[in-house]
């Protein structure tokens, strides 16, 4: 059972489906263990199986009595298309029992629910907090600043959004967000893949080689055409000679030697 939990933790970011499969095995082996139910909930959540994830989180909470899973349970409500329920949970007494990280996470979920309901101004206000204004970088700082910048951009406040995307980049030491890409996009910076450029250059080189080969082949083709013209001229001469000789008696007509010569020329071509 413990090995399966280790695999869930190891795969959940890079291979959510694999993590989900291991969580199912762990559930079959120890469904009455709170850690197993919690791991199964996160695996289902990573695969956007929000109804299943919510059921597992509720089971884990009943077993432990902890409120630590409250924010992710509220986010599952969002995933199920119930932002009003998520907002209701954001105002519940359980929120006051969360630590600072949990309260920030709950604020992010509440702001997301406001955006789900097209309440952009309310989402911006929800994210305005002492944690956002603090100059101290915490594990949640980059995500909080990023969410605030994204909400500002959605509301059309581009100058402010650019400022907060820049602040998110400053605090995002482990690359947990794509704030740098968003900032570059706002500044009109385009990134070109050098590998793609190399492929284009190679294709151009191949085209040049093909052109050179075609140039070498063309004179030969012209020569063949010239030979065919000569043969046609000879045929015309033969026909003229035959017309001239129609009135003269001939003992035996010769075999079509010229025709053989034509075939020979065709073979040579």
Protein backbone atom coordinates (compact mmCIF):
# COMPACT_ATOMS: atom_id res chain seq x y z
CA UNK A 1 0.00 0.00 0.00
CA UNK A 2 2.75 2.46 0.93
CA UNK A 3 4.55 1.81 -2.37
CA UNK A 4 1.42 2.77 -4.25
CA UNK A 5 1.15 6.01 -2.30
CA UNK A 6 4.77 6.79 -3.14
CA UNK A 7 4.03 6.24 -6.84
CA UNK A 8 0.99 8.51 -6.64
CA UNK A 9 3.12 11.31 -5.20
CA UNK A 10 5.87 10.71 -7.75
CA UNK A 11 3.63 10.64 -10.85
CA UNK A 12 0.84 13.08 -10.04
CA UNK A 13 2.50 16.06 -11.78
CA UNK A 14 4.03 14.35 -14.82
CA UNK A 15 1.67 11.42 -15.30
CA UNK A 16 -1.71 12.08 -13.66
CA UNK A 17 -3.32 9.02 -15.25
CA UNK A 18 -0.58 6.76 -13.91
CA UNK A 19 -0.96 8.31 -10.46
CA UNK A 20 -4.71 7.72 -10.63
CA UNK A 21 -4.17 4.04 -11.47
CA UNK A 22 -1.89 3.57 -8.45
CA UNK A 23 -4.39 5.37 -6.21
CA UNK A 24 -7.05 2.87 -7.22
CA UNK A 25 -4.79 0.01 -6.19
CA UNK A 26 -4.12 1.69 -2.84
CA UNK A 27 -7.86 2.13 -2.29
CA UNK A 28 -8.48 -1.57 -2.84
CA UNK A 29 -5.81 -2.41 -0.30
CA UNK A 30 -6.59 0.16 2.42
CA UNK A 31 -9.72 2.20 1.83
CA UNK A 32 -10.07 2.96 5.57
CA UNK A 33 -6.76 4.82 5.78
CA UNK A 34 -7.18 8.61 5.64
CA UNK A 35 -3.89 9.14 3.77
CA UNK A 36 -5.03 6.75 1.05
CA UNK A 37 -8.36 8.54 0.64
CA UNK A 38 -6.58 11.89 0.46
CA UNK A 39 -4.08 10.63 -2.12
CA UNK A 40 -6.93 9.16 -4.17
CA UNK A 41 -8.69 12.51 -3.99
CA UNK A 42 -5.69 14.42 -5.32
CA UNK A 43 -5.15 11.86 -8.08
CA UNK A 44 -8.77 12.20 -9.18
CA UNK A 45 -8.52 15.99 -8.92
CA UNK A 46 -5.43 16.00 -11.18
CA UNK A 47 -7.45 14.10 -13.78
CA UNK A 48 -10.39 16.54 -13.48
CA UNK A 49 -12.61 13.88 -11.93
CA UNK A 50 -14.03 16.44 -9.55
CA UNK A 51 -17.02 14.48 -8.25
CA UNK A 52 -14.83 11.53 -7.32
CA UNK A 53 -12.17 13.80 -5.84
CA UNK A 54 -14.72 15.59 -3.68
CA UNK A 55 -16.04 12.30 -2.33
CA UNK A 56 -12.53 11.16 -1.39
CA UNK A 57 -11.67 14.49 0.25
CA UNK A 58 -14.85 14.38 2.30
CA UNK A 59 -14.04 10.85 3.42
CA UNK A 60 -10.52 11.86 4.45
CA UNK A 61 -11.87 14.87 6.34
CA UNK A 62 -14.35 12.72 8.25
CA UNK A 63 -11.54 10.39 9.27
CA UNK A 64 -9.16 13.11 10.45
CA UNK A 65 -11.41 16.00 11.38
CA UNK A 66 -8.90 18.33 9.68
CA UNK A 67 -9.91 21.38 7.63
CA UNK A 68 -6.75 21.39 5.51
CA UNK A 69 -8.63 20.05 2.47
CA UNK A 70 -11.32 22.74 2.64
CA UNK A 71 -9.92 24.94 -0.19
CA UNK A 72 -9.45 22.07 -2.64
CA UNK A 73 -12.92 20.78 -1.81
CA UNK A 74 -14.29 24.22 -2.69
CA UNK A 75 -12.33 24.14 -5.95
CA UNK A 76 -13.94 20.80 -6.77
CA UNK A 77 -17.29 22.56 -6.45
CA UNK A 78 -16.05 25.04 -9.06
CA UNK A 79 -15.01 22.19 -11.30
CA UNK A 80 -18.51 20.74 -11.02
CA UNK A 81 -19.99 24.04 -12.20
CA UNK A 82 -21.11 25.22 -8.77
CA UNK A 83 -19.19 28.47 -8.10
CA UNK A 84 -21.91 29.66 -5.71
CA UNK A 85 -21.20 26.66 -3.48
CA UNK A 86 -17.48 27.46 -3.59
CA UNK A 87 -18.20 31.03 -2.45
CA UNK A 88 -20.38 29.70 0.33
CA UNK A 89 -17.51 27.54 1.53
CA UNK A 90 -15.16 30.54 1.32
CA UNK A 91 -17.29 32.28 3.95
CA UNK A 92 -17.65 29.27 6.24
CA UNK A 93 -16.16 29.16 9.76
CA UNK A 94 -13.73 26.43 8.64
CA UNK A 95 -11.70 29.05 6.77
CA UNK A 96 -10.66 30.71 10.02
CA UNK A 97 -9.12 27.43 11.16
CA UNK A 98 -6.81 27.27 8.12
CA UNK A 99 -3.18 28.29 8.33
CA UNK A 100 -1.88 31.22 6.28
CA UNK A 101 -1.19 29.07 3.20
CA UNK A 102 -4.68 27.57 3.39
CA UNK A 103 -6.31 30.99 3.70
CA UNK A 104 -4.43 32.28 0.65
CA UNK A 105 -5.48 29.16 -1.26
CA UNK A 106 -9.09 29.76 -0.22
CA UNK A 107 -8.83 33.35 -1.45
CA UNK A 108 -7.59 32.11 -4.85
CA UNK A 109 -10.51 29.69 -5.10
CA UNK A 110 -13.01 32.41 -4.17
CA UNK A 111 -11.58 34.77 -6.79
CA UNK A 112 -11.80 31.99 -9.37
CA UNK A 113 -15.45 31.45 -8.45
CA UNK A 114 -16.13 35.17 -8.92
CA UNK A 115 -14.58 34.98 -12.38
CA UNK A 116 -16.68 31.92 -13.18
CA UNK A 117 -19.70 34.14 -12.49
CA UNK A 118 -18.26 36.99 -14.66
CA UNK A 119 -17.74 39.17 -11.60
CA UNK A 120 -14.29 40.46 -12.57
CA UNK A 121 -14.24 43.49 -10.28
CA UNK A 122 -15.26 41.33 -7.32
CA UNK A 123 -12.50 38.85 -8.20
CA UNK A 124 -9.92 41.65 -8.17
CA UNK A 125 -11.11 42.91 -4.80
CA UNK A 126 -11.07 39.36 -3.40
CA UNK A 127 -7.38 39.02 -4.25
CA UNK A 128 -6.40 42.35 -2.69
CA UNK A 129 -4.97 41.37 0.66
CA UNK A 130 -1.98 41.91 2.97
CA UNK A 131 -0.39 38.78 1.46
CA UNK A 132 -0.57 40.35 -2.01
CA UNK A 133 0.93 43.65 -0.87
CA UNK A 134 3.70 42.04 1.19
CA UNK A 135 7.27 42.29 -0.10
CA UNK A 136 8.14 39.01 1.58
CA UNK A 137 8.21 36.09 -0.84
CA UNK A 138 6.30 33.06 0.38
CA UNK A 139 5.52 29.76 -1.41
CA UNK A 140 2.15 31.16 -2.48
CA UNK A 141 3.34 34.66 -3.50
CA UNK A 142 3.92 33.95 -7.20
CA UNK A 143 0.54 32.29 -7.68
CA UNK A 144 -1.29 35.06 -5.83
CA UNK A 145 0.39 37.79 -7.87
CA UNK A 146 -0.20 35.86 -11.09
CA UNK A 147 -3.92 35.44 -10.35
CA UNK A 148 -4.21 39.15 -9.57
CA UNK A 149 -2.43 40.13 -12.81
CA UNK A 150 -4.60 37.77 -14.83
CA UNK A 151 -7.79 39.22 -13.31
CA UNK A 152 -6.60 42.76 -14.06
CA UNK A 153 -5.87 41.80 -17.66
CA UNK A 154 -9.31 40.22 -18.03
CA UNK A 155 -10.81 43.50 -16.77
CA UNK A 156 -8.89 45.47 -19.40
CA UNK A 157 -6.44 47.08 -16.97
CA UNK A 158 -3.35 46.18 -19.01
CA UNK A 159 -0.80 48.56 -17.46
CA UNK A 160 -1.55 47.30 -13.96
CA UNK A 161 -1.61 43.71 -15.22
CA UNK A 162 1.86 44.09 -16.74
CA UNK A 163 3.17 45.45 -13.45
CA UNK A 164 1.86 42.48 -11.48
CA UNK A 165 3.00 39.91 -14.03
CA UNK A 166 6.48 41.39 -13.58
CA UNK A 167 6.16 41.05 -9.82
CA UNK A 168 5.01 37.46 -10.26
CA UNK A 169 8.14 36.74 -12.32
CA UNK A 170 10.33 38.17 -9.57
CA UNK A 171 8.82 35.86 -6.97
CA UNK A 172 8.49 32.75 -9.16
CA UNK A 173 11.85 31.14 -8.49
CA UNK A 174 10.79 27.58 -9.33
CA UNK A 175 8.74 28.37 -12.46
CA UNK A 176 5.39 27.41 -11.00
CA UNK A 177 3.60 29.86 -13.32
CA UNK A 178 4.03 31.03 -16.91
CA UNK A 179 4.24 34.66 -15.81
CA UNK A 180 7.40 35.29 -17.84
CA UNK A 181 5.68 34.11 -21.03
CA UNK A 182 2.62 36.25 -20.32
CA UNK A 183 4.82 39.28 -19.70
CA UNK A 184 6.76 38.70 -22.92
CA UNK A 185 3.50 38.33 -24.82
CA UNK A 186 2.28 41.68 -23.50
CA UNK A 187 5.58 43.29 -24.54
CA UNK A 188 5.29 41.85 -28.04
CA UNK A 189 8.30 39.58 -27.71
CA UNK A 190 8.22 36.49 -29.93
CA UNK A 191 10.35 33.44 -29.21
CA UNK A 192 11.67 31.54 -32.23
CA UNK A 193 12.77 27.94 -31.89
CA UNK A 194 16.36 27.68 -33.14
CA UNK A 195 15.81 24.01 -33.97
CA UNK A 196 13.03 24.97 -36.38
CA UNK A 197 15.31 27.52 -38.04
CA UNK A 198 17.97 24.85 -38.58
CA UNK A 199 15.39 22.61 -40.23
CA UNK A 200 14.35 25.44 -42.58
CA UNK A 201 17.99 26.05 -43.54
CA UNK A 202 18.47 22.36 -44.29
CA UNK A 203 15.37 22.34 -46.48
CA UNK A 204 16.71 25.33 -48.41
CA UNK A 205 20.03 23.54 -48.92
CA UNK A 206 18.20 20.48 -50.26
CA UNK A 207 16.28 22.71 -52.67
CA UNK A 208 19.54 24.20 -53.98
CA UNK A 209 20.96 20.71 -54.56
CA UNK A 210 17.84 19.65 -56.44
CA UNK A 211 18.08 22.74 -58.64
CA UNK A 212 21.70 22.02 -59.46
CA UNK A 213 20.85 18.44 -60.39
CA UNK A 214 18.01 19.61 -62.63
CA UNK A 215 20.36 22.05 -64.38
CA UNK A 216 22.75 19.19 -65.10
CA UNK A 217 20.00 17.01 -66.51
CA UNK A 218 18.44 19.64 -68.79
CA UNK A 219 21.23 19.70 -71.43
CA UNK A 220 20.91 15.94 -71.84
CA UNK A 221 17.19 16.31 -72.37
CA UNK A 222 17.83 18.96 -75.02
CA UNK A 223 20.29 16.67 -76.74
CA UNK A 224 17.70 13.90 -76.87
CA UNK A 225 15.18 16.27 -78.39
CA UNK A 226 17.72 17.30 -80.98
CA UNK A 227 18.34 13.67 -81.93
CA UNK A 228 14.63 13.08 -82.29
CA UNK A 229 14.38 16.07 -84.61
CA UNK A 230 17.22 14.70 -86.73
CA UNK A 231 15.49 11.34 -87.00
CA UNK A 232 12.26 13.03 -88.04
CA UNK A 233 14.16 14.95 -90.72
CA UNK A 234 15.62 11.71 -92.02
CA UNK A 235 12.14 10.20 -92.17
CA UNK A 236 10.98 13.19 -94.21
CA UNK A 237 13.94 12.70 -96.61
CA UNK A 238 13.08 9.03 -97.01
CA UNK A 239 9.46 9.84 -97.80
CA UNK A 240 10.57 12.41 -100.35
CA UNK A 241 12.91 9.85 -101.98
CA UNK A 242 10.13 7.31 -102.14
CA UNK A 243 7.84 9.83 -103.81
CA UNK A 244 10.54 10.59 -106.36
CA UNK A 245 11.12 6.91 -107.09
CA UNK A 246 7.48 5.90 -107.52
CA UNK A 247 7.65 6.11 -111.32
CA UNK A 248 10.93 4.17 -111.58
CA UNK A 249 10.74 0.35 -111.66
CA UNK A 250 12.45 -1.25 -108.76
CA UNK A 251 13.23 -4.97 -108.69
CA UNK A 252 12.95 -5.49 -104.99
CA UNK A 253 12.24 -2.82 -102.37
CA UNK A 254 14.83 -2.72 -99.65
CA UNK A 255 13.93 -3.64 -96.10
CA UNK A 256 13.02 -0.65 -93.87
CA UNK A 257 16.54 -0.05 -92.75
CA UNK A 258 15.73 3.48 -91.72
CA UNK A 259 13.02 2.21 -89.40
CA UNK A 260 15.59 0.00 -87.70
CA UNK A 261 17.84 2.99 -87.36
CA UNK A 262 14.95 4.86 -85.75
CA UNK A 263 14.47 2.07 -83.23
CA UNK A 264 18.17 2.06 -82.57
CA UNK A 265 18.13 5.78 -81.93
CA UNK A 266 15.16 5.37 -79.62
CA UNK A 267 17.05 2.73 -77.65
CA UNK A 268 20.03 5.00 -77.39
CA UNK A 269 17.79 7.78 -76.12
